[in-house]
Amino acid sequence: MRLLMLGGTQFAGRAVVEAALGRGWEVTVFHRGRHEAPPGVRSLLGDRTEPGGLDALAEDPGEWDVVVDTWSAAPRAVRDAARLLRGRARRYVYVSSCSVYAWARAAGYAEDAPLVEGASADAEQTAYAQDKLGGELAVLDAFGEDRSVLARSGLILGPYENIGRLPWWLARAARGGPMLAPGPRDLPLQYLDVRDLAEWVLHAAERELSGPYNLASPQGHTTMGELLDTCVTVTGGAAELRWTEPEVILRAGIQPWTELPVWVPPGSDLYDGLHNRGVSRAVAAGLSCRPVEETVADTWRWLQDLGGVAPQRPDRPSSGLDPEVEAKVLGTG
């Protein structure tokens, strides 16, 4: 199989590239050159946001079995790439997001749930949800429904994470001492290891799948307790988890999801939207999810190799709770 990866040097894109190389695929990576591409690929350089940014791709004679694209800014960048490649690639897999679904979302929502309004394939960058849906529309316009895969991912964790969610929890656990643990302990979580996302994307290309798929672990694949227990264990056990009721956290003005990454209070629209989506279509199409212990341990090893400091995307807000706020809530400050 021949893969053209648009991006491919960080997080999800890099995981797709490494999975493809592991399968013996021939891989071309089109990227801006800001980060080193994985060894074993052929690189083409260009910036999709600049005039003439696709020239290297346009001038290259290559043809591919599949294009994989993770773009999340102006949809017109997806539009231009997809139009350029529609006669040179058999299938286009766009790594989209469950953010494309309109709010509020019913518990267990599936791929036929209502979508956000205001998206366009021709748009400049606006809001994340509309940008991702605009990217989907661009792919469908160029490749049609039969040759497009819309991989609507949920929360993605694992090695190479440059958003700061699991790396923040690991760094906090490694710091030790009393550690605010947002309850309830048995709160079911949905997420996807980035490597499981990558394997499913390649599987979809091999099997010539098409259409939209919600990509996340089945609900209850792990819990908040299992996630944080594992963070404490892999970092050496210096942290003491102090389980705290959601009401206490919210009264303190702590923001779910951002100040306490991954966590949102149960029984809320936010919880149903982020941790209670239907994924039966993707599971039936081959999605497999590794244990949370493997995701956490491998992410910690990767962080250690980097000296303990994870990269951070400049276009994403930083995550995590101020130590003084944590100490105040726990009564230890």
C-alpha atoms as a PDB file:
ATOM      1  CA  MET A   1       0.000   0.000   0.000  1.00  0.00           C
ATOM      2  CA  ARG A   2       1.114   3.555  -0.754  1.00  0.00           C
ATOM      3  CA  LEU A   3       0.246   6.239   1.804  1.00  0.00           C
ATOM      4  CA  LEU A   4       0.365   9.993   1.439  1.00  0.00           C
ATOM      5  CA  MET A   5       0.275  11.538   4.907  1.00  0.00           C
ATOM      6  CA  LEU A   6      -0.550  15.240   5.025  1.00  0.00           C
ATOM      7  CA  GLY A   7       1.340  16.236   8.148  1.00  0.00           C
ATOM      8  CA  GLY A   8       2.832  13.197   9.788  1.00  0.00           C
ATOM      9  CA  THR A   9       5.473  14.629  12.098  1.00  0.00           C
ATOM     10  CA  GLN A  10       3.446  15.011  15.310  1.00  0.00           C
ATOM     11  CA  PHE A  11       0.873  13.135  17.423  1.00  0.00           C
ATOM     12  CA  ALA A  12      -1.876  11.494  15.322  1.00  0.00           C
ATOM     13  CA  GLY A  13      -0.141  11.972  11.991  1.00  0.00           C
ATOM     14  CA  ARG A  14       3.116  10.547  13.287  1.00  0.00           C
ATOM     15  CA  ALA A  15       1.316   7.547  14.772  1.00  0.00           C
ATOM     16  CA  VAL A  16      -0.304   6.838  11.377  1.00  0.00           C
ATOM     17  CA  VAL A  17       3.075   7.062   9.640  1.00  0.00           C
ATOM     18  CA  GLU A  18       4.777   4.728  12.113  1.00  0.00           C
ATOM     19  CA  ALA A  19       1.924   2.223  11.876  1.00  0.00           C
ATOM     20  CA  ALA A  20       2.115   2.275   8.081  1.00  0.00           C
ATOM     21  CA  LEU A  21       5.879   1.771   8.096  1.00  0.00           C
ATOM     22  CA  GLY A  22       5.366  -1.105  10.516  1.00  0.00           C
ATOM     23  CA  ARG A  23       3.130  -2.741   7.930  1.00  0.00           C
ATOM     24  CA  GLY A  24       5.732  -2.303   5.217  1.00  0.00           C
ATOM     25  CA  TRP A  25       3.827   0.413   3.379  1.00  0.00           C
ATOM     26  CA  GLU A  26       5.472   2.983   1.132  1.00  0.00           C
ATOM     27  CA  VAL A  27       4.983   6.342   2.855  1.00  0.00           C
ATOM     28  CA  THR A  28       5.206   9.903   1.550  1.00  0.00           C
ATOM     29  CA  VAL A  29       4.896  12.711   4.103  1.00  0.00           C
ATOM     30  CA  PHE A  30       3.887  16.214   3.021  1.00  0.00           C
ATOM     31  CA  HIS A  31       4.771  18.677   5.785  1.00  0.00           C
ATOM     32  CA  ARG A  32       6.095  22.142   6.517  1.00  0.00           C
ATOM     33  CA  GLY A  33       9.524  21.014   7.677  1.00  0.00           C
ATOM     34  CA  ARG A  34       9.140  22.429  11.184  1.00  0.00           C
ATOM     35  CA  HIS A  35       9.603  18.983  12.729  1.00  0.00           C
ATOM     36  CA  GLU A  36      11.673  16.082  11.521  1.00  0.00           C
ATOM     37  CA  ALA A  37       9.737  13.414   9.655  1.00  0.00           C
ATOM     38  CA  PRO A  38      10.015   9.801  10.873  1.00  0.00           C
ATOM     39  CA  PRO A  39      12.877   7.841   9.299  1.00  0.00           C
ATOM     40  CA  GLY A  40      11.936   5.671   6.348  1.00  0.00           C
ATOM     41  CA  VAL A  41       9.555   8.100   4.612  1.00  0.00           C
ATOM     42  CA  ARG A  42       9.833  10.255   1.513  1.00  0.00           C
ATOM     43  CA  SER A  43       9.316  13.921   2.383  1.00  0.00           C
ATOM     44  CA  LEU A  44       7.668  16.668   0.349  1.00  0.00           C
ATOM     45  CA  LEU A  45       7.783  20.168   1.819  1.00  0.00           C
ATOM     46  CA  GLY A  46       5.098  22.829   1.637  1.00  0.00           C
ATOM     47  CA  ASP A  47       2.862  25.056   3.744  1.00  0.00           C
ATOM     48  CA  ARG A  48      -0.839  24.646   2.983  1.00  0.00           C
ATOM     49  CA  THR A  49      -1.587  28.080   4.407  1.00  0.00           C
ATOM     50  CA  GLU A  50       0.649  29.922   1.944  1.00  0.00           C
ATOM     51  CA  PRO A  51       0.157  30.754  -1.764  1.00  0.00           C
ATOM     52  CA  GLY A  52       1.787  28.004  -3.784  1.00  0.00           C
ATOM     53  CA  GLY A  53       2.036  25.886  -0.666  1.00  0.00           C
ATOM     54  CA  LEU A  54       0.965  22.736  -2.516  1.00  0.00           C
ATOM     55  CA  ASP A  55       3.423  23.169  -5.401  1.00  0.00           C
ATOM     56  CA  ALA A  56       5.716  20.343  -4.282  1.00  0.00           C
ATOM     57  CA  LEU A  57       2.728  18.012  -4.149  1.00  0.00           C
ATOM     58  CA  ALA A  58       1.374  19.215  -7.494  1.00  0.00           C
ATOM     59  CA  GLU A  59       4.727  18.721  -9.217  1.00  0.00           C
ATOM     60  CA  ASP A  60       5.350  15.289  -7.722  1.00  0.00           C
ATOM     61  CA  PRO A  61       4.317  12.414 -10.037  1.00  0.00           C
ATOM     62  CA  GLY A  62       3.249  10.131  -7.185  1.00  0.00           C
ATOM     63  CA  GLU A  63      -0.023   8.254  -6.899  1.00  0.00           C
ATOM     64  CA  TRP A  64      -1.342   6.725  -3.703  1.00  0.00           C
ATOM     65  CA  ASP A  65      -3.770   4.142  -2.395  1.00  0.00           C
ATOM     66  CA  VAL A  66      -4.806   6.426   0.440  1.00  0.00           C
ATOM     67  CA  VAL A  67      -4.379   9.990   1.652  1.00  0.00           C
ATOM     68  CA  VAL A  68      -4.672  10.620   5.400  1.00  0.00           C
ATOM     69  CA  ASP A  69      -5.293  14.177   6.568  1.00  0.00           C
ATOM     70  CA  THR A  70      -5.595  15.499  10.148  1.00  0.00           C
ATOM     71  CA  TRP A  71      -5.986  19.224   9.339  1.00  0.00           C
ATOM     72  CA  SER A  72      -8.008  21.239  11.865  1.00  0.00           C
ATOM     73  CA  ALA A  73      -7.771  24.859  10.754  1.00  0.00           C
ATOM     74  CA  ALA A  74      -9.202  26.594   7.650  1.00  0.00           C
ATOM     75  CA  PRO A  75     -11.255  24.058   5.650  1.00  0.00           C
ATOM     76  CA  ARG A  76     -10.101  25.563   2.370  1.00  0.00           C
ATOM     77  CA  ALA A  77      -6.711  23.885   2.973  1.00  0.00           C
ATOM     78  CA  VAL A  78      -8.435  20.492   2.919  1.00  0.00           C
ATOM     79  CA  ARG A  79     -10.468  21.579  -0.114  1.00  0.00           C
ATOM     80  CA  ASP A  80      -7.362  22.512  -2.105  1.00  0.00           C
ATOM     81  CA  ALA A  81      -5.464  19.332  -1.225  1.00  0.00           C
ATOM     82  CA  ALA A  82      -8.433  17.049  -1.891  1.00  0.00           C
ATOM     83  CA  ARG A  83      -9.127  18.640  -5.286  1.00  0.00           C
ATOM     84  CA  LEU A  84      -5.478  18.309  -6.249  1.00  0.00           C
ATOM     85  CA  LEU A  85      -5.360  14.630  -5.266  1.00  0.00           C
ATOM     86  CA  ARG A  86      -8.739  13.292  -6.374  1.00  0.00           C
ATOM     87  CA  GLY A  87      -7.297  11.823  -9.570  1.00  0.00           C
ATOM     88  CA  ARG A  88      -4.131  10.536  -7.920  1.00  0.00           C
ATOM     89  CA  ALA A  89      -5.427   8.708  -4.838  1.00  0.00           C
ATOM     90  CA  ARG A  90      -7.995   5.969  -4.396  1.00  0.00           C
ATOM     91  CA  ARG A  91      -9.279   6.996  -0.996  1.00  0.00           C
ATOM     92  CA  TYR A  92      -9.126   9.971   1.371  1.00  0.00           C
ATOM     93  CA  VAL A  93      -9.279   9.431   5.129  1.00  0.00           C
ATOM     94  CA  TYR A  94      -9.971  12.634   7.042  1.00  0.00           C
ATOM     95  CA  VAL A  95      -9.347  12.504  10.777  1.00  0.00           C
ATOM     96  CA  SER A  96     -12.239  14.648  11.918  1.00  0.00           C
ATOM     97  CA  SER A  97     -13.787  15.038  15.364  1.00  0.00           C
ATOM     98  CA  CYS A  98     -16.960  14.279  17.271  1.00  0.00           C
ATOM     99  CA  SER A  99     -17.059  18.051  17.768  1.00  0.00           C
ATOM    100  CA  VAL A 100     -18.890  18.204  14.411  1.00  0.00           C
ATOM    101  CA  TYR A 101     -22.103  17.090  16.162  1.00  0.00           C
ATOM    102  CA  ALA A 102     -24.522  19.801  17.261  1.00  0.00           C
ATOM    103  CA  TRP A 103     -24.924  20.560  20.956  1.00  0.00           C
ATOM    104  CA  ALA A 104     -26.441  19.238  23.155  1.00  0.00           C
ATOM    105  CA  ARG A 105     -25.860  15.618  22.232  1.00  0.00           C
ATOM    106  CA  ALA A 106     -28.043  12.749  23.390  1.00  0.00           C
ATOM    107  CA  ALA A 107     -26.314   9.995  25.361  1.00  0.00           C
ATOM    108  CA  GLY A 108     -25.110   7.303  22.999  1.00  0.00           C
ATOM    109  CA  TYR A 109     -25.322   9.524  19.900  1.00  0.00           C
ATOM    110  CA  ALA A 110     -24.283   7.834  16.665  1.00  0.00           C
ATOM    111  CA  GLU A 111     -23.086   8.966  13.244  1.00  0.00           C
ATOM    112  CA  ASP A 112     -26.560  10.114  12.193  1.00  0.00           C
ATOM    113  CA  ALA A 113     -26.810  12.717  14.991  1.00  0.00           C
ATOM    114  CA  PRO A 114     -27.403  16.355  13.914  1.00  0.00           C
ATOM    115  CA  LEU A 115     -24.310  18.298  12.838  1.00  0.00           C
ATOM    116  CA  VAL A 116     -23.252  21.846  13.662  1.00  0.00           C
ATOM    117  CA  GLU A 117     -24.407  24.636  11.390  1.00  0.00           C
ATOM    118  CA  GLY A 118     -22.348  27.235   9.565  1.00  0.00           C
ATOM    119  CA  ALA A 119     -19.657  24.984   8.061  1.00  0.00           C
ATOM    120  CA  SER A 120     -18.263  25.444   4.558  1.00  0.00           C
ATOM    121  CA  ALA A 121     -15.507  23.759   2.588  1.00  0.00           C
ATOM    122  CA  ASP A 122     -14.431  27.196   1.309  1.00  0.00           C
ATOM    123  CA  ALA A 123     -14.127  28.858   4.719  1.00  0.00           C
ATOM    124  CA  GLU A 124     -11.187  30.477   6.430  1.00  0.00           C
ATOM    125  CA  GLN A 125     -10.485  29.346   9.995  1.00  0.00           C
ATOM    126  CA  THR A 126     -13.435  30.054  12.305  1.00  0.00           C
ATOM    127  CA  ALA A 127     -14.292  27.664  15.159  1.00  0.00           C
ATOM    128  CA  TYR A 128     -12.967  24.143  15.701  1.00  0.00           C
ATOM    129  CA  ALA A 129     -16.283  22.325  15.138  1.00  0.00           C
ATOM    130  CA  GLN A 130     -17.138  24.237  11.971  1.00  0.00           C
ATOM    131  CA  ASP A 131     -13.578  23.889  10.694  1.00  0.00           C
ATOM    132  CA  LYS A 132     -13.620  20.114  11.104  1.00  0.00           C
ATOM    133  CA  LEU A 133     -17.025  19.792   9.461  1.00  0.00           C
ATOM    134  CA  GLY A 134     -15.860  22.080   6.663  1.00  0.00           C
ATOM    135  CA  GLY A 135     -12.938  19.710   6.157  1.00  0.00           C
ATOM    136  CA  GLU A 136     -15.366  16.801   5.894  1.00  0.00           C
ATOM    137  CA  LEU A 137     -17.416  18.679   3.293  1.00  0.00           C
ATOM    138  CA  ALA A 138     -14.268  19.398   1.294  1.00  0.00           C
ATOM    139  CA  VAL A 139     -13.312  15.721   1.209  1.00  0.00           C
ATOM    140  CA  LEU A 140     -16.816  14.631   0.230  1.00  0.00           C
ATOM    141  CA  ASP A 141     -16.900  17.208  -2.571  1.00  0.00           C
ATOM    142  CA  ALA A 142     -13.630  15.985  -4.080  1.00  0.00           C
ATOM    143  CA  PHE A 143     -13.765  12.235  -3.427  1.00  0.00           C
ATOM    144  CA  GLY A 144     -17.460  11.524  -3.002  1.00  0.00           C
ATOM    145  CA  GLU A 145     -19.043   9.371  -0.328  1.00  0.00           C
ATOM    146  CA  ASP A 146     -17.730   6.087  -1.738  1.00  0.00           C
ATOM    147  CA  ARG A 147     -14.045   7.073  -1.579  1.00  0.00           C
ATOM    148  CA  SER A 148     -14.067   9.046   1.687  1.00  0.00           C
ATOM    149  CA  VAL A 149     -13.659   7.977   5.298  1.00  0.00           C
ATOM    150  CA  LEU A 150     -14.603  10.505   7.987  1.00  0.00           C
ATOM    151  CA  ALA A 151     -12.889   9.353  11.176  1.00  0.00           C
ATOM    152  CA  ARG A 152     -14.706  11.357  13.858  1.00  0.00           C
ATOM    153  CA  SER A 153     -12.397  10.906  16.799  1.00  0.00           C
ATOM    154  CA  GLY A 154     -13.115  11.551  20.406  1.00  0.00           C
ATOM    155  CA  LEU A 155     -10.497  12.256  23.063  1.00  0.00           C
ATOM    156  CA  ILE A 156      -7.089  11.030  21.841  1.00  0.00           C
ATOM    157  CA  LEU A 157      -4.351  10.052  24.298  1.00  0.00           C
ATOM    158  CA  GLY A 158      -1.005   8.305  24.073  1.00  0.00           C
ATOM    159  CA  PRO A 159       2.631   8.855  23.095  1.00  0.00           C
ATOM    160  CA  TYR A 160       3.441  12.040  21.126  1.00  0.00           C
ATOM    161  CA  GLU A 161       0.507  13.894  22.689  1.00  0.00           C
ATOM    162  CA  ASN A 162       1.038  17.633  22.185  1.00  0.00           C
ATOM    163  CA  ILE A 163      -2.266  18.793  23.715  1.00  0.00           C
ATOM    164  CA  GLY A 164      -1.234  18.353  27.346  1.00  0.00           C
ATOM    165  CA  ARG A 165      -3.930  16.139  28.870  1.00  0.00           C
ATOM    166  CA  LEU A 166      -2.394  12.824  29.849  1.00  0.00           C
ATOM    167  CA  PRO A 167       1.095  14.396  30.084  1.00  0.00           C
ATOM    168  CA  TRP A 168      -0.266  16.842  32.661  1.00  0.00           C
ATOM    169  CA  TRP A 169      -1.741  14.081  34.824  1.00  0.00           C
ATOM    170  CA  LEU A 170       1.524  12.140  34.636  1.00  0.00           C
ATOM    171  CA  ALA A 171       3.592  15.183  35.565  1.00  0.00           C
ATOM    172  CA  ARG A 172       1.227  15.931  38.438  1.00  0.00           C
ATOM    173  CA  ALA A 173       1.441  12.364  39.739  1.00  0.00           C
ATOM    174  CA  ALA A 174       5.221  12.433  39.462  1.00  0.00           C
ATOM    175  CA  ARG A 175       5.331  15.605  41.596  1.00  0.00           C
ATOM    176  CA  GLY A 176       3.806  13.604  44.445  1.00  0.00           C
ATOM    177  CA  GLY A 177       1.991  14.707  47.574  1.00  0.00           C
ATOM    178  CA  PRO A 178      -1.767  15.046  48.072  1.00  0.00           C
ATOM    179  CA  MET A 179      -3.339  15.094  44.588  1.00  0.00           C
ATOM    180  CA  LEU A 180      -6.859  16.222  43.773  1.00  0.00           C
ATOM    181  CA  ALA A 181      -8.654  13.329  42.070  1.00  0.00           C
ATOM    182  CA  PRO A 182     -12.002  14.356  40.542  1.00  0.00           C
ATOM    183  CA  GLY A 183     -14.760  11.895  41.364  1.00  0.00           C
ATOM    184  CA  PRO A 184     -16.556   9.735  41.256  1.00  0.00           C
ATOM    185  CA  ARG A 185     -13.778   7.189  41.156  1.00  0.00           C
ATOM    186  CA  ASP A 186     -15.831   4.792  39.002  1.00  0.00           C
ATOM    187  CA  LEU A 187     -16.712   7.469  36.393  1.00  0.00           C
ATOM    188  CA  PRO A 188     -16.660   5.739  32.955  1.00  0.00           C
ATOM    189  CA  LEU A 189     -14.397   7.356  30.361  1.00  0.00           C
ATOM    190  CA  GLN A 190     -14.161   7.219  26.579  1.00  0.00           C
ATOM    191  CA  TYR A 191     -10.937   7.955  24.750  1.00  0.00           C
ATOM    192  CA  LEU A 192      -8.744   6.419  22.058  1.00  0.00           C
ATOM    193  CA  ASP A 193      -5.065   5.572  22.154  1.00  0.00           C
ATOM    194  CA  VAL A 194      -3.516   7.386  19.194  1.00  0.00           C
ATOM    195  CA  ARG A 195      -1.939   4.136  18.002  1.00  0.00           C
ATOM    196  CA  ASP A 196      -5.337   2.411  17.939  1.00  0.00           C
ATOM    197  CA  LEU A 197      -6.642   5.336  15.905  1.00  0.00           C
ATOM    198  CA  ALA A 198      -3.744   4.897  13.497  1.00  0.00           C
ATOM    199  CA  GLU A 199      -4.267   1.154  13.108  1.00  0.00           C
ATOM    200  CA  TRP A 200      -7.978   1.638  12.455  1.00  0.00           C
ATOM    201  CA  VAL A 201      -7.305   4.319   9.826  1.00  0.00           C
ATOM    202  CA  LEU A 202      -4.983   1.980   7.927  1.00  0.00           C
ATOM    203  CA  HIS A 203      -7.439  -0.891   8.330  1.00  0.00           C
ATOM    204  CA  ALA A 204     -10.165   1.328   6.848  1.00  0.00           C
ATOM    205  CA  ALA A 205      -7.950   2.030   3.845  1.00  0.00           C
ATOM    206  CA  GLU A 206      -7.116  -1.637   3.315  1.00  0.00           C
ATOM    207  CA  ARG A 207     -10.751  -2.690   3.582  1.00  0.00           C
ATOM    208  CA  GLU A 208     -11.923   0.246   1.427  1.00  0.00           C
ATOM    209  CA  LEU A 209     -14.386   1.454   4.024  1.00  0.00           C
ATOM    210  CA  SER A 210     -16.327   4.670   3.502  1.00  0.00           C
ATOM    211  CA  GLY A 211     -18.537   7.088   5.416  1.00  0.00           C
ATOM    212  CA  PRO A 212     -18.448   8.539   8.940  1.00  0.00           C
ATOM    213  CA  TYR A 213     -17.306   6.620  12.030  1.00  0.00           C
ATOM    214  CA  ASN A 214     -17.240   7.673  15.671  1.00  0.00           C
ATOM    215  CA  LEU A 215     -13.828   6.619  16.965  1.00  0.00           C
ATOM    216  CA  ALA A 216     -13.439   6.123  20.697  1.00  0.00           C
ATOM    217  CA  SER A 217     -13.292   3.230  23.107  1.00  0.00           C
ATOM    218  CA  PRO A 218     -16.604   1.692  24.133  1.00  0.00           C
ATOM    219  CA  GLN A 219     -17.962   3.573  27.134  1.00  0.00           C
ATOM    220  CA  GLY A 220     -16.504   2.190  30.341  1.00  0.00           C
ATOM    221  CA  HIS A 221     -13.310   0.966  28.649  1.00  0.00           C
ATOM    222  CA  THR A 222     -11.705   2.549  31.682  1.00  0.00           C
ATOM    223  CA  THR A 223     -12.666   4.783  34.605  1.00  0.00           C
ATOM    224  CA  MET A 224     -11.258   7.917  36.159  1.00  0.00           C
ATOM    225  CA  GLY A 225     -10.013   5.770  39.023  1.00  0.00           C
ATOM    226  CA  GLU A 226      -8.179   3.331  36.778  1.00  0.00           C
ATOM    227  CA  LEU A 227      -6.621   6.173  34.794  1.00  0.00           C
ATOM    228  CA  LEU A 228      -5.287   8.040  37.814  1.00  0.00           C
ATOM    229  CA  ASP A 229      -4.267   4.908  39.732  1.00  0.00           C
ATOM    230  CA  THR A 230      -2.154   3.940  36.724  1.00  0.00           C
ATOM    231  CA  CYS A 231      -0.619   7.431  36.518  1.00  0.00           C
ATOM    232  CA  VAL A 232       0.439   7.157  40.155  1.00  0.00           C
ATOM    233  CA  THR A 233       1.818   3.638  39.721  1.00  0.00           C
ATOM    234  CA  VAL A 234       3.902   4.257  36.584  1.00  0.00           C
ATOM    235  CA  THR A 235       5.420   7.463  37.991  1.00  0.00           C
ATOM    236  CA  GLY A 236       6.613   5.796  41.166  1.00  0.00           C
ATOM    237  CA  GLY A 237       3.715   6.049  43.582  1.00  0.00           C
ATOM    238  CA  ALA A 238       4.645   9.344  45.242  1.00  0.00           C
ATOM    239  CA  ALA A 239       1.219  10.943  44.823  1.00  0.00           C
ATOM    240  CA  GLU A 240      -1.681  10.394  47.227  1.00  0.00           C
ATOM    241  CA  LEU A 241      -5.016  10.534  45.429  1.00  0.00           C
ATOM    242  CA  ARG A 242      -7.628  12.584  47.291  1.00  0.00           C
ATOM    243  CA  TRP A 243     -10.978  11.770  45.696  1.00  0.00           C
ATOM    244  CA  THR A 244     -13.179  14.847  45.621  1.00  0.00           C
ATOM    245  CA  GLU A 245     -16.887  15.143  44.837  1.00  0.00           C
ATOM    246  CA  PRO A 246     -17.844  16.980  41.632  1.00  0.00           C
ATOM    247  CA  GLU A 247     -19.881  19.531  43.571  1.00  0.00           C
ATOM    248  CA  VAL A 248     -16.835  20.576  45.590  1.00  0.00           C
ATOM    249  CA  ILE A 249     -14.765  20.980  42.436  1.00  0.00           C
ATOM    250  CA  LEU A 250     -17.385  23.037  40.636  1.00  0.00           C
ATOM    251  CA  ARG A 251     -18.018  25.272  43.669  1.00  0.00           C
ATOM    252  CA  ALA A 252     -14.310  26.071  43.702  1.00  0.00           C
ATOM    253  CA  GLY A 253     -14.640  27.427  40.156  1.00  0.00           C
ATOM    254  CA  ILE A 254     -12.419  24.728  38.644  1.00  0.00           C
ATOM    255  CA  GLN A 255     -13.144  24.186  34.959  1.00  0.00           C
ATOM    256  CA  PRO A 256     -13.835  20.602  33.870  1.00  0.00           C
ATOM    257  CA  TRP A 257     -11.861  19.269  30.890  1.00  0.00           C
ATOM    258  CA  THR A 258      -9.336  22.121  30.826  1.00  0.00           C
ATOM    259  CA  GLU A 259      -8.118  22.583  34.409  1.00  0.00           C
ATOM    260  CA  LEU A 260      -8.768  18.900  35.134  1.00  0.00           C
ATOM    261  CA  PRO A 261      -8.043  17.279  31.771  1.00  0.00           C
ATOM    262  CA  VAL A 262     -10.238  14.385  30.616  1.00  0.00           C
ATOM    263  CA  TRP A 263     -12.672  14.829  33.520  1.00  0.00           C
ATOM    264  CA  VAL A 264     -16.180  16.252  33.243  1.00  0.00           C
ATOM    265  CA  PRO A 265     -18.920  15.885  35.879  1.00  0.00           C
ATOM    266  CA  PRO A 266     -21.352  12.997  35.402  1.00  0.00           C
ATOM    267  CA  GLY A 267     -24.964  13.720  34.565  1.00  0.00           C
ATOM    268  CA  SER A 268     -24.119  16.804  32.487  1.00  0.00           C
ATOM    269  CA  ASP A 269     -24.534  17.558  28.797  1.00  0.00           C
ATOM    270  CA  LEU A 270     -20.775  17.910  28.691  1.00  0.00           C
ATOM    271  CA  TYR A 271     -20.311  14.361  29.977  1.00  0.00           C
ATOM    272  CA  ASP A 272     -22.751  12.882  27.456  1.00  0.00           C
ATOM    273  CA  GLY A 273     -21.075  14.796  24.653  1.00  0.00           C
ATOM    274  CA  LEU A 274     -17.520  13.796  25.523  1.00  0.00           C
ATOM    275  CA  HIS A 275     -17.726  10.390  27.213  1.00  0.00           C
ATOM    276  CA  ASN A 276     -20.984   8.812  26.052  1.00  0.00           C
ATOM    277  CA  ARG A 277     -20.992   8.425  22.278  1.00  0.00           C
ATOM    278  CA  GLY A 278     -22.051   5.422  20.249  1.00  0.00           C
ATOM    279  CA  VAL A 279     -19.104   3.588  18.674  1.00  0.00           C
ATOM    280  CA  SER A 280     -20.694   0.308  17.573  1.00  0.00           C
ATOM    281  CA  ARG A 281     -20.165   1.069  13.870  1.00  0.00           C
ATOM    282  CA  ALA A 282     -16.408   1.520  14.310  1.00  0.00           C
ATOM    283  CA  VAL A 283     -16.102  -1.546  16.551  1.00  0.00           C
ATOM    284  CA  ALA A 284     -17.950  -3.633  13.964  1.00  0.00           C
ATOM    285  CA  ALA A 285     -15.512  -2.266  11.376  1.00  0.00           C
ATOM    286  CA  GLY A 286     -12.462  -3.465  13.306  1.00  0.00           C
ATOM    287  CA  LEU A 287     -11.718  -0.869  15.996  1.00  0.00           C
ATOM    288  CA  SER A 288      -9.718  -2.426  18.829  1.00  0.00           C
ATOM    289  CA  CYS A 289      -8.649  -0.584  22.003  1.00  0.00           C
ATOM    290  CA  ARG A 290      -5.631  -1.472  24.116  1.00  0.00           C
ATOM    291  CA  PRO A 291      -5.756  -1.398  27.945  1.00  0.00           C
ATOM    292  CA  VAL A 292      -5.417   1.938  29.707  1.00  0.00           C
ATOM    293  CA  GLU A 293      -2.340   0.610  31.552  1.00  0.00           C
ATOM    294  CA  GLU A 294      -0.488   0.295  28.244  1.00  0.00           C
ATOM    295  CA  THR A 295      -1.458   3.778  27.080  1.00  0.00           C
ATOM    296  CA  VAL A 296      -0.370   5.414  30.342  1.00  0.00           C
ATOM    297  CA  ALA A 297       2.881   3.461  30.728  1.00  0.00           C
ATOM    298  CA  ASP A 298       3.970   4.050  27.132  1.00  0.00           C
ATOM    299  CA  THR A 299       3.178   7.753  27.381  1.00  0.00           C
ATOM    300  CA  TRP A 300       5.246   8.004  30.554  1.00  0.00           C
ATOM    301  CA  ARG A 301       8.216   6.259  28.887  1.00  0.00           C
ATOM    302  CA  TRP A 302       7.963   8.652  25.950  1.00  0.00           C
ATOM    303  CA  LEU A 303       7.886  11.637  28.316  1.00  0.00           C
ATOM    304  CA  GLN A 304      10.939  10.335  30.162  1.00  0.00           C
ATOM    305  CA  ASP A 305      12.808  10.075  26.868  1.00  0.00           C
ATOM    306  CA  LEU A 306      11.999  13.780  26.314  1.00  0.00           C
ATOM    307  CA  GLY A 307      13.247  14.772  29.740  1.00  0.00           C
ATOM    308  CA  GLY A 308       9.754  14.914  31.239  1.00  0.00           C
ATOM    309  CA  VAL A 309       8.456  17.913  29.279  1.00  0.00           C
ATOM    310  CA  ALA A 310       5.843  17.250  26.599  1.00  0.00           C
ATOM    311  CA  PRO A 311       5.556  19.384  23.449  1.00  0.00           C
ATOM    312  CA  GLN A 312       2.612  21.771  23.330  1.00  0.00           C
ATOM    313  CA  ARG A 313       0.752  22.839  20.208  1.00  0.00           C
ATOM    314  CA  PRO A 314       0.766  26.645  20.056  1.00  0.00           C
ATOM    315  CA  ASP A 315      -2.799  26.720  18.717  1.00  0.00           C
ATOM    316  CA  ARG A 316      -4.237  24.788  21.672  1.00  0.00           C
ATOM    317  CA  PRO A 317      -4.721  26.135  25.207  1.00  0.00           C
ATOM    318  CA  SER A 318      -2.604  24.628  27.942  1.00  0.00           C
ATOM    319  CA  SER A 319      -4.233  22.227  30.390  1.00  0.00           C
ATOM    320  CA  GLY A 320      -3.914  21.724  34.104  1.00  0.00           C
ATOM    321  CA  LEU A 321      -4.761  22.995  37.568  1.00  0.00           C
ATOM    322  CA  ASP A 322      -2.836  25.688  39.420  1.00  0.00           C
ATOM    323  CA  PRO A 323      -1.097  24.068  42.429  1.00  0.00           C
ATOM    324  CA  GLU A 324      -2.351  26.827  44.733  1.00  0.00           C
ATOM    325  CA  VAL A 325      -5.968  26.196  43.707  1.00  0.00           C
ATOM    326  CA  GLU A 326      -5.498  22.468  44.218  1.00  0.00           C
ATOM    327  CA  ALA A 327      -3.992  22.973  47.671  1.00  0.00           C
ATOM    328  CA  LYS A 328      -6.828  25.305  48.679  1.00  0.00           C
ATOM    329  CA  VAL A 329      -9.503  22.795  47.668  1.00  0.00           C
ATOM    330  CA  LEU A 330      -7.691  19.978  49.483  1.00  0.00           C
ATOM    331  CA  GLY A 331      -7.010  22.110  52.539  1.00  0.00           C
ATOM    332  CA  THR A 332      -3.267  21.517  52.290  1.00  0.00           C
ATOM    333  CA  GLY A 333      -2.199  25.033  51.277  1.00  0.00           C
END
